[in-house]
Structure formats: structure tokens, C-alpha cells
Amino acid sequence: MKCCFEWSAQKEIEITPNNYFESIVLAGDAICPDTAGRDEFLLAGVIMPGKRLAGSGRSKCYSLADMSGAIEAAPSIWVALKNDLSEISFKINTDIILDPGLLASSLSLDIATVSGTATHIPLNRSDVRIDWQSRGTFVVTVSRI
């Protein structure tokens, strides 16, 4: 199954130079190949609600010269998954949001499939579990995708 995973702001998120957001899809404890995403910001500003903070399957670095309007990460690329969506979780490593409560209130996960299905999942939903491994490191599991 081919999917696209993106992390969007639910409220304003302040970024400072050299902030980064990394994510990868996990199936159990195993990393799903080619799903790693890294977004690094070399500028200061605010990601506005509804704008993309980060994506999967690629690595991007943003400077002021890259932004012609609102600050927003580039779209994700399609990644192939061997597992069903109900069997995956997401490992996040970031220096933008360090606390699980802030992560839950600040972000949503957008999932699209090539068949045209799109799902918007605010991380503060009751079926989203956030395991806080350390400051800025989380494993996010959604029980109903």
C-alpha cells in the first residue's frame, strides 16, 4: 500500500534557526524502509495552524530564500508499506516540541493513500497514544486509522 504521512500544525508553532523534526514509520519495533522524514529550518518564524510542519520519505532544509509566503514544509513523498495502517506507529525526534502534552495539542497527522482516502488525526484524540521516551522523542500510535 502506498501512503503519504504529514505532520500539520493545529496551533501556531514557533521555530528558530536549526530546529528540526524527524519522523519514521514503525511496524512493531521494526523501521519501515524509506519512510524516514527530516525537516530542518534555518530561519525563525511561525508555522500557522493548518500548515505542514514535516513530512515523510524525504529530507528537506528550509531557509528564508525558500519561503515566498507562509512558512510550510514541503509535501511528503509516497512511501510503500508492507503493513496495514492499523499495525503502524510513528517515532518522532524533534527539538521544536519537547513535551507530550504540547505535542498532542500542537500537531495533527494527515494520512493519504493512492486510492484517494485521506485521514486527518489530531494528536489530542482519545485513540492516540503518545509514549514519551525522552525530551523531544516520542512514539505515536493511533488505534483507529
N, C-alpha and C. Protein backbone atom coordinates (compact mmCIF):
# COMPACT_ATOMS: atom_id res chain seq x y z
N MET A 1 0.84 -1.17 0.00
CA MET A 1 0.00 0.00 0.00
C MET A 1 0.90 1.24 0.00
N LYS A 2 0.59 2.20 -0.86
CA LYS A 2 1.35 3.46 -0.90
C LYS A 2 0.60 4.51 -0.10
N CYS A 3 1.36 5.19 0.78
CA CYS A 3 0.78 6.21 1.66
C CYS A 3 1.66 7.44 1.71
N CYS A 4 1.07 8.49 2.22
CA CYS A 4 1.76 9.75 2.43
C CYS A 4 1.43 10.21 3.85
N PHE A 5 2.45 10.53 4.65
CA PHE A 5 2.25 10.94 6.04
C PHE A 5 2.80 12.35 6.24
N GLU A 6 1.97 13.24 6.80
CA GLU A 6 2.40 14.61 7.04
C GLU A 6 1.96 15.06 8.42
N TRP A 7 2.78 15.89 9.04
CA TRP A 7 2.51 16.45 10.37
C TRP A 7 2.15 17.92 10.19
N SER A 8 0.94 18.30 10.62
CA SER A 8 0.46 19.67 10.44
C SER A 8 0.23 20.34 11.78
N ALA A 9 0.36 21.66 11.78
CA ALA A 9 0.15 22.45 12.99
C ALA A 9 -1.35 22.58 13.28
N GLN A 10 -1.72 22.37 14.54
CA GLN A 10 -3.09 22.64 14.99
C GLN A 10 -3.19 24.03 15.60
N LYS A 11 -2.05 24.56 16.02
CA LYS A 11 -1.97 25.92 16.53
C LYS A 11 -0.62 26.47 16.11
N GLU A 12 -0.38 27.75 16.35
CA GLU A 12 0.89 28.34 15.96
C GLU A 12 2.06 27.63 16.63
N ILE A 13 3.08 27.31 15.83
CA ILE A 13 4.28 26.65 16.33
C ILE A 13 5.48 27.52 15.97
N GLU A 14 6.17 27.99 16.99
CA GLU A 14 7.35 28.84 16.78
C GLU A 14 8.55 27.98 16.43
N ILE A 15 9.28 28.42 15.42
CA ILE A 15 10.53 27.74 15.05
C ILE A 15 11.67 28.75 15.11
N THR A 16 12.85 28.24 15.42
CA THR A 16 14.05 29.06 15.46
C THR A 16 15.11 28.39 14.58
N PRO A 17 16.13 29.12 14.17
CA PRO A 17 17.14 28.54 13.30
C PRO A 17 17.72 27.23 13.86
N ASN A 18 17.85 26.27 12.98
CA ASN A 18 18.38 24.93 13.25
C ASN A 18 17.39 24.00 13.94
N ASN A 19 16.13 24.41 14.13
CA ASN A 19 15.11 23.48 14.62
C ASN A 19 14.91 22.37 13.59
N TYR A 20 14.59 21.18 14.08
CA TYR A 20 14.37 20.04 13.18
C TYR A 20 13.20 19.20 13.69
N PHE A 21 12.64 18.41 12.78
CA PHE A 21 11.58 17.46 13.10
C PHE A 21 11.85 16.23 12.26
N GLU A 22 12.07 15.08 12.92
CA GLU A 22 12.31 13.81 12.24
C GLU A 22 11.20 12.85 12.61
N SER A 23 10.77 12.06 11.63
CA SER A 23 9.80 11.00 11.93
C SER A 23 10.09 9.80 11.05
N ILE A 24 9.66 8.65 11.55
CA ILE A 24 9.82 7.40 10.81
C ILE A 24 8.66 6.50 11.19
N VAL A 25 8.21 5.69 10.23
CA VAL A 25 7.11 4.76 10.47
C VAL A 25 7.68 3.45 11.01
N LEU A 26 7.03 2.94 12.05
CA LEU A 26 7.41 1.66 12.66
C LEU A 26 6.30 0.64 12.48
N ALA A 27 6.67 -0.60 12.22
CA ALA A 27 5.74 -1.73 12.23
C ALA A 27 6.23 -2.62 13.37
N GLY A 28 5.54 -2.55 14.51
CA GLY A 28 6.07 -3.18 15.72
C GLY A 28 7.29 -2.38 16.13
N ASP A 29 8.42 -3.06 16.30
CA ASP A 29 9.67 -2.37 16.62
C ASP A 29 10.55 -2.16 15.39
N ALA A 30 10.09 -2.64 14.24
CA ALA A 30 10.90 -2.57 13.02
C ALA A 30 10.61 -1.27 12.25
N ILE A 31 11.66 -0.70 11.70
CA ILE A 31 11.54 0.51 10.88
C ILE A 31 11.04 0.13 9.49
N CYS A 32 10.04 0.84 9.00
CA CYS A 32 9.56 0.63 7.64
C CYS A 32 10.50 1.36 6.68
N PRO A 33 11.09 0.64 5.72
CA PRO A 33 12.08 1.24 4.83
C PRO A 33 11.54 2.46 4.08
N ASP A 34 12.40 3.42 3.86
CA ASP A 34 12.12 4.61 3.05
C ASP A 34 11.05 5.54 3.62
N THR A 35 10.69 5.39 4.90
CA THR A 35 9.66 6.26 5.47
C THR A 35 10.24 7.41 6.29
N ALA A 36 11.54 7.43 6.48
CA ALA A 36 12.15 8.48 7.31
C ALA A 36 11.96 9.84 6.66
N GLY A 37 11.62 10.80 7.50
CA GLY A 37 11.49 12.18 7.05
C GLY A 37 12.24 13.10 8.00
N ARG A 38 12.87 14.12 7.46
CA ARG A 38 13.55 15.12 8.28
C ARG A 38 13.32 16.49 7.66
N ASP A 39 12.88 17.42 8.50
CA ASP A 39 12.69 18.81 8.08
C ASP A 39 13.50 19.68 9.03
N GLU A 40 14.40 20.48 8.45
CA GLU A 40 15.24 21.37 9.25
C GLU A 40 15.00 22.81 8.79
N PHE A 41 14.84 23.69 9.76
CA PHE A 41 14.52 25.08 9.48
C PHE A 41 15.72 25.95 9.83
N LEU A 42 16.22 26.70 8.86
CA LEU A 42 17.36 27.59 9.07
C LEU A 42 16.89 29.03 9.23
N LEU A 43 15.66 29.20 9.65
CA LEU A 43 15.06 30.52 9.79
C LEU A 43 14.20 30.56 11.04
N ALA A 44 13.88 31.75 11.47
CA ALA A 44 12.97 31.94 12.61
C ALA A 44 11.61 32.35 12.07
N GLY A 45 10.56 31.87 12.71
CA GLY A 45 9.21 32.23 12.28
C GLY A 45 8.17 31.40 12.98
N VAL A 46 6.99 31.37 12.39
CA VAL A 46 5.86 30.65 12.98
C VAL A 46 5.20 29.80 11.90
N ILE A 47 4.97 28.53 12.21
CA ILE A 47 4.15 27.66 11.37
C ILE A 47 2.71 27.91 11.80
N MET A 48 1.88 28.37 10.89
CA MET A 48 0.50 28.72 11.22
C MET A 48 -0.39 27.47 11.24
N PRO A 49 -1.51 27.52 11.97
CA PRO A 49 -2.43 26.38 12.01
C PRO A 49 -2.83 25.94 10.60
N GLY A 50 -2.84 24.63 10.41
CA GLY A 50 -3.20 24.06 9.11
C GLY A 50 -2.04 23.91 8.15
N LYS A 51 -0.90 24.49 8.47
CA LYS A 51 0.28 24.38 7.60
C LYS A 51 1.11 23.16 8.00
N ARG A 52 1.82 22.61 7.02
CA ARG A 52 2.63 21.42 7.20
C ARG A 52 3.92 21.77 7.95
N LEU A 53 4.19 21.04 9.03
CA LEU A 53 5.45 21.19 9.78
C LEU A 53 6.50 20.22 9.25
N ALA A 54 6.09 19.02 8.86
CA ALA A 54 7.05 17.99 8.46
C ALA A 54 6.35 16.92 7.64
N GLY A 55 7.16 16.13 6.95
CA GLY A 55 6.62 15.05 6.13
C GLY A 55 7.50 13.82 6.17
N SER A 56 7.07 12.80 5.45
CA SER A 56 7.77 11.52 5.46
C SER A 56 8.44 11.25 4.12
N GLY A 57 9.41 10.33 4.17
CA GLY A 57 10.02 9.82 2.95
C GLY A 57 11.03 10.73 2.28
N ARG A 58 11.42 11.82 2.95
CA ARG A 58 12.39 12.73 2.34
C ARG A 58 13.05 13.59 3.40
N SER A 59 14.12 14.26 3.04
CA SER A 59 14.83 15.16 3.94
C SER A 59 14.90 16.53 3.27
N LYS A 60 14.47 17.57 4.00
CA LYS A 60 14.44 18.92 3.45
C LYS A 60 15.01 19.91 4.45
N CYS A 61 15.65 20.93 3.93
CA CYS A 61 16.19 22.02 4.73
C CYS A 61 15.64 23.32 4.16
N TYR A 62 15.13 24.19 5.03
CA TYR A 62 14.46 25.41 4.58
C TYR A 62 15.19 26.65 5.07
N SER A 63 15.35 27.60 4.16
CA SER A 63 15.93 28.90 4.52
C SER A 63 14.93 29.97 4.11
N LEU A 64 15.21 31.19 4.47
CA LEU A 64 14.33 32.30 4.13
C LEU A 64 14.14 32.41 2.62
N ALA A 65 15.16 32.10 1.85
CA ALA A 65 15.07 32.17 0.39
C ALA A 65 14.06 31.18 -0.18
N ASP A 66 13.77 30.08 0.56
CA ASP A 66 12.83 29.06 0.10
C ASP A 66 11.38 29.46 0.31
N MET A 67 11.14 30.46 1.14
CA MET A 67 9.78 30.82 1.54
C MET A 67 9.30 32.06 0.80
N SER A 68 8.26 31.92 0.00
CA SER A 68 7.70 33.08 -0.68
C SER A 68 6.44 33.58 0.02
N GLY A 69 5.96 32.82 0.97
CA GLY A 69 4.76 33.19 1.73
C GLY A 69 4.86 32.62 3.12
N ALA A 70 3.78 32.00 3.57
CA ALA A 70 3.77 31.38 4.89
C ALA A 70 4.81 30.27 4.97
N ILE A 71 5.39 30.10 6.14
CA ILE A 71 6.37 29.03 6.35
C ILE A 71 5.62 27.70 6.38
N GLU A 72 6.04 26.79 5.51
CA GLU A 72 5.42 25.47 5.45
C GLU A 72 6.42 24.48 4.86
N ALA A 73 6.45 23.28 5.43
CA ALA A 73 7.33 22.22 4.93
C ALA A 73 6.84 21.74 3.57
N ALA A 74 7.75 21.15 2.82
CA ALA A 74 7.42 20.58 1.51
C ALA A 74 6.52 19.36 1.68
N PRO A 75 5.73 19.05 0.65
CA PRO A 75 4.88 17.85 0.72
C PRO A 75 5.72 16.59 0.88
N SER A 76 5.11 15.59 1.49
CA SER A 76 5.75 14.28 1.63
C SER A 76 5.78 13.59 0.28
N ILE A 77 6.59 12.55 0.21
CA ILE A 77 6.55 11.70 -0.97
C ILE A 77 5.80 10.42 -0.60
N TRP A 78 5.32 9.73 -1.61
CA TRP A 78 4.60 8.48 -1.37
C TRP A 78 5.59 7.41 -0.93
N VAL A 79 5.21 6.66 0.09
CA VAL A 79 6.05 5.57 0.57
C VAL A 79 5.25 4.28 0.54
N ALA A 80 5.92 3.18 0.24
CA ALA A 80 5.26 1.87 0.17
C ALA A 80 5.34 1.20 1.53
N LEU A 81 4.21 0.70 1.99
CA LEU A 81 4.15 -0.03 3.27
C LEU A 81 3.75 -1.47 3.01
N LYS A 82 4.40 -2.38 3.70
CA LYS A 82 4.02 -3.79 3.63
C LYS A 82 2.92 -4.08 4.63
N ASN A 83 2.83 -3.25 5.67
CA ASN A 83 1.89 -3.48 6.76
C ASN A 83 0.60 -2.71 6.56
N ASP A 84 -0.45 -3.20 7.17
CA ASP A 84 -1.73 -2.50 7.22
C ASP A 84 -1.56 -1.26 8.11
N LEU A 85 -2.32 -0.21 7.84
CA LEU A 85 -2.20 1.01 8.63
C LEU A 85 -2.50 0.79 10.11
N SER A 86 -3.31 -0.21 10.43
CA SER A 86 -3.64 -0.46 11.84
C SER A 86 -2.46 -1.04 12.62
N GLU A 87 -1.39 -1.41 11.94
CA GLU A 87 -0.25 -2.05 12.59
C GLU A 87 0.97 -1.14 12.70
N ILE A 88 0.80 0.16 12.45
CA ILE A 88 1.97 1.04 12.44
C ILE A 88 1.91 2.08 13.56
N SER A 89 3.09 2.61 13.86
CA SER A 89 3.22 3.75 14.77
C SER A 89 4.30 4.66 14.19
N PHE A 90 4.52 5.78 14.84
CA PHE A 90 5.43 6.79 14.31
C PHE A 90 6.41 7.21 15.40
N LYS A 91 7.69 7.13 15.10
CA LYS A 91 8.70 7.63 16.04
C LYS A 91 9.07 9.04 15.62
N ILE A 92 9.03 9.96 16.57
CA ILE A 92 9.33 11.36 16.33
C ILE A 92 10.54 11.76 17.17
N ASN A 93 11.45 12.50 16.56
CA ASN A 93 12.56 13.11 17.27
C ASN A 93 12.62 14.56 16.81
N THR A 94 12.50 15.50 17.75
CA THR A 94 12.44 16.91 17.40
C THR A 94 12.97 17.78 18.53
N ASP A 95 13.42 18.97 18.18
CA ASP A 95 13.75 19.96 19.21
C ASP A 95 12.76 21.13 19.16
N ILE A 96 11.68 20.96 18.43
CA ILE A 96 10.65 22.00 18.32
C ILE A 96 9.63 21.86 19.44
N ILE A 97 9.19 20.64 19.69
CA ILE A 97 8.21 20.34 20.73
C ILE A 97 8.82 19.27 21.62
N LEU A 98 9.01 19.58 22.90
CA LEU A 98 9.74 18.67 23.79
C LEU A 98 8.84 17.90 24.74
N ASP A 99 7.60 18.30 24.89
CA ASP A 99 6.69 17.77 25.91
C ASP A 99 5.51 17.04 25.24
N PRO A 100 5.08 15.88 25.76
CA PRO A 100 3.99 15.15 25.12
C PRO A 100 2.65 15.89 25.13
N GLY A 101 2.39 16.67 26.17
CA GLY A 101 1.15 17.45 26.19
C GLY A 101 1.13 18.50 25.10
N LEU A 102 2.26 19.16 24.90
CA LEU A 102 2.36 20.15 23.82
C LEU A 102 2.29 19.49 22.45
N LEU A 103 2.89 18.32 22.32
CA LEU A 103 2.82 17.59 21.05
C LEU A 103 1.36 17.28 20.72
N ALA A 104 0.62 16.78 21.71
CA ALA A 104 -0.78 16.42 21.49
C ALA A 104 -1.63 17.62 21.11
N SER A 105 -1.39 18.75 21.74
CA SER A 105 -2.23 19.92 21.45
C SER A 105 -1.77 20.70 20.22
N SER A 106 -0.56 20.47 19.76
CA SER A 106 0.01 21.28 18.67
C SER A 106 -0.06 20.65 17.29
N LEU A 107 -0.11 19.31 17.21
CA LEU A 107 0.04 18.65 15.91
C LEU A 107 -1.14 17.76 15.54
N SER A 108 -1.25 17.53 14.25
CA SER A 108 -2.15 16.51 13.73
C SER A 108 -1.36 15.72 12.69
N LEU A 109 -1.81 14.50 12.45
CA LEU A 109 -1.22 13.61 11.47
C LEU A 109 -2.19 13.49 10.31
N ASP A 110 -1.71 13.75 9.11
CA ASP A 110 -2.53 13.60 7.91
C ASP A 110 -1.99 12.42 7.12
N ILE A 111 -2.89 11.48 6.82
CA ILE A 111 -2.52 10.27 6.08
C ILE A 111 -3.33 10.23 4.79
N ALA A 112 -2.65 10.04 3.67
CA ALA A 112 -3.33 9.89 2.39
C ALA A 112 -2.87 8.58 1.75
N THR A 113 -3.77 7.95 1.02
CA THR A 113 -3.42 6.74 0.27
C THR A 113 -3.63 7.02 -1.21
N VAL A 114 -2.97 6.24 -2.07
CA VAL A 114 -3.11 6.46 -3.51
C VAL A 114 -4.53 6.18 -3.98
N SER A 115 -5.30 5.44 -3.21
CA SER A 115 -6.70 5.19 -3.58
C SER A 115 -7.58 6.40 -3.35
N GLY A 116 -7.02 7.46 -2.75
CA GLY A 116 -7.78 8.68 -2.55
C GLY A 116 -8.31 8.89 -1.15
N THR A 117 -8.07 7.94 -0.26
CA THR A 117 -8.51 8.09 1.13
C THR A 117 -7.59 9.07 1.85
N ALA A 118 -8.19 10.02 2.55
CA ALA A 118 -7.42 10.98 3.35
C ALA A 118 -7.97 10.97 4.77
N THR A 119 -7.08 10.94 5.74
CA THR A 119 -7.47 10.91 7.15
C THR A 119 -6.71 12.00 7.89
N HIS A 120 -7.45 12.80 8.66
CA HIS A 120 -6.87 13.87 9.48
C HIS A 120 -7.02 13.44 10.94
N ILE A 121 -5.90 13.31 11.66
CA ILE A 121 -5.92 12.80 13.03
C ILE A 121 -5.26 13.80 13.97
N PRO A 122 -6.04 14.62 14.69
CA PRO A 122 -5.45 15.47 15.73
C PRO A 122 -4.83 14.58 16.80
N LEU A 123 -3.63 14.90 17.26
CA LEU A 123 -2.96 14.05 18.24
C LEU A 123 -3.59 14.11 19.62
N ASN A 124 -4.53 15.03 19.84
CA ASN A 124 -5.22 15.08 21.13
C ASN A 124 -6.49 14.24 21.14
N ARG A 125 -6.71 13.42 20.11
CA ARG A 125 -7.85 12.50 20.11
C ARG A 125 -7.62 11.40 21.14
N SER A 126 -8.72 10.85 21.65
CA SER A 126 -8.63 9.84 22.71
C SER A 126 -8.02 8.52 22.23
N ASP A 127 -8.05 8.24 20.93
CA ASP A 127 -7.48 6.99 20.42
C ASP A 127 -6.02 7.12 20.00
N VAL A 128 -5.39 8.24 20.33
CA VAL A 128 -3.98 8.45 20.03
C VAL A 128 -3.17 8.30 21.32
N ARG A 129 -2.18 7.41 21.28
CA ARG A 129 -1.30 7.22 22.43
C ARG A 129 0.06 7.82 22.09
N ILE A 130 0.57 8.63 23.01
CA ILE A 130 1.90 9.22 22.84
C ILE A 130 2.79 8.70 23.95
N ASP A 131 3.78 7.91 23.58
CA ASP A 131 4.76 7.41 24.55
C ASP A 131 5.95 8.36 24.51
N TRP A 132 6.24 8.96 25.66
CA TRP A 132 7.31 9.94 25.79
C TRP A 132 8.57 9.20 26.16
N GLN A 133 9.53 9.08 25.24
CA GLN A 133 10.75 8.34 25.51
C GLN A 133 11.82 9.21 26.15
N SER A 134 11.87 10.47 25.76
CA SER A 134 12.77 11.47 26.35
C SER A 134 12.35 12.81 25.78
N ARG A 135 13.00 13.88 26.24
CA ARG A 135 12.63 15.21 25.74
C ARG A 135 12.75 15.25 24.22
N GLY A 136 11.61 15.49 23.56
CA GLY A 136 11.60 15.59 22.11
C GLY A 136 11.56 14.28 21.36
N THR A 137 11.51 13.16 22.07
CA THR A 137 11.44 11.85 21.42
C THR A 137 10.17 11.14 21.86
N PHE A 138 9.35 10.76 20.88
CA PHE A 138 8.02 10.20 21.16
C PHE A 138 7.75 9.05 20.20
N VAL A 139 6.88 8.13 20.62
CA VAL A 139 6.29 7.15 19.72
C VAL A 139 4.79 7.38 19.75
N VAL A 140 4.22 7.68 18.59
CA VAL A 140 2.80 7.98 18.46
C VAL A 140 2.10 6.79 17.82
N THR A 141 1.06 6.29 18.49
CA THR A 141 0.28 5.17 17.99
C THR A 141 -1.18 5.59 17.93
N VAL A 142 -1.80 5.34 16.79
CA VAL A 142 -3.22 5.65 16.61
C VAL A 142 -3.95 4.32 16.52
N SER A 143 -4.91 4.09 17.42
CA SER A 143 -5.59 2.78 17.42
C SER A 143 -6.66 2.67 16.34
N ARG A 144 -7.18 3.80 15.86
CA ARG A 144 -8.20 3.75 14.80
C ARG A 144 -7.79 4.66 13.64
N ILE A 145 -7.14 4.08 12.65
CA ILE A 145 -6.78 4.88 11.46
C ILE A 145 -7.82 4.62 10.40
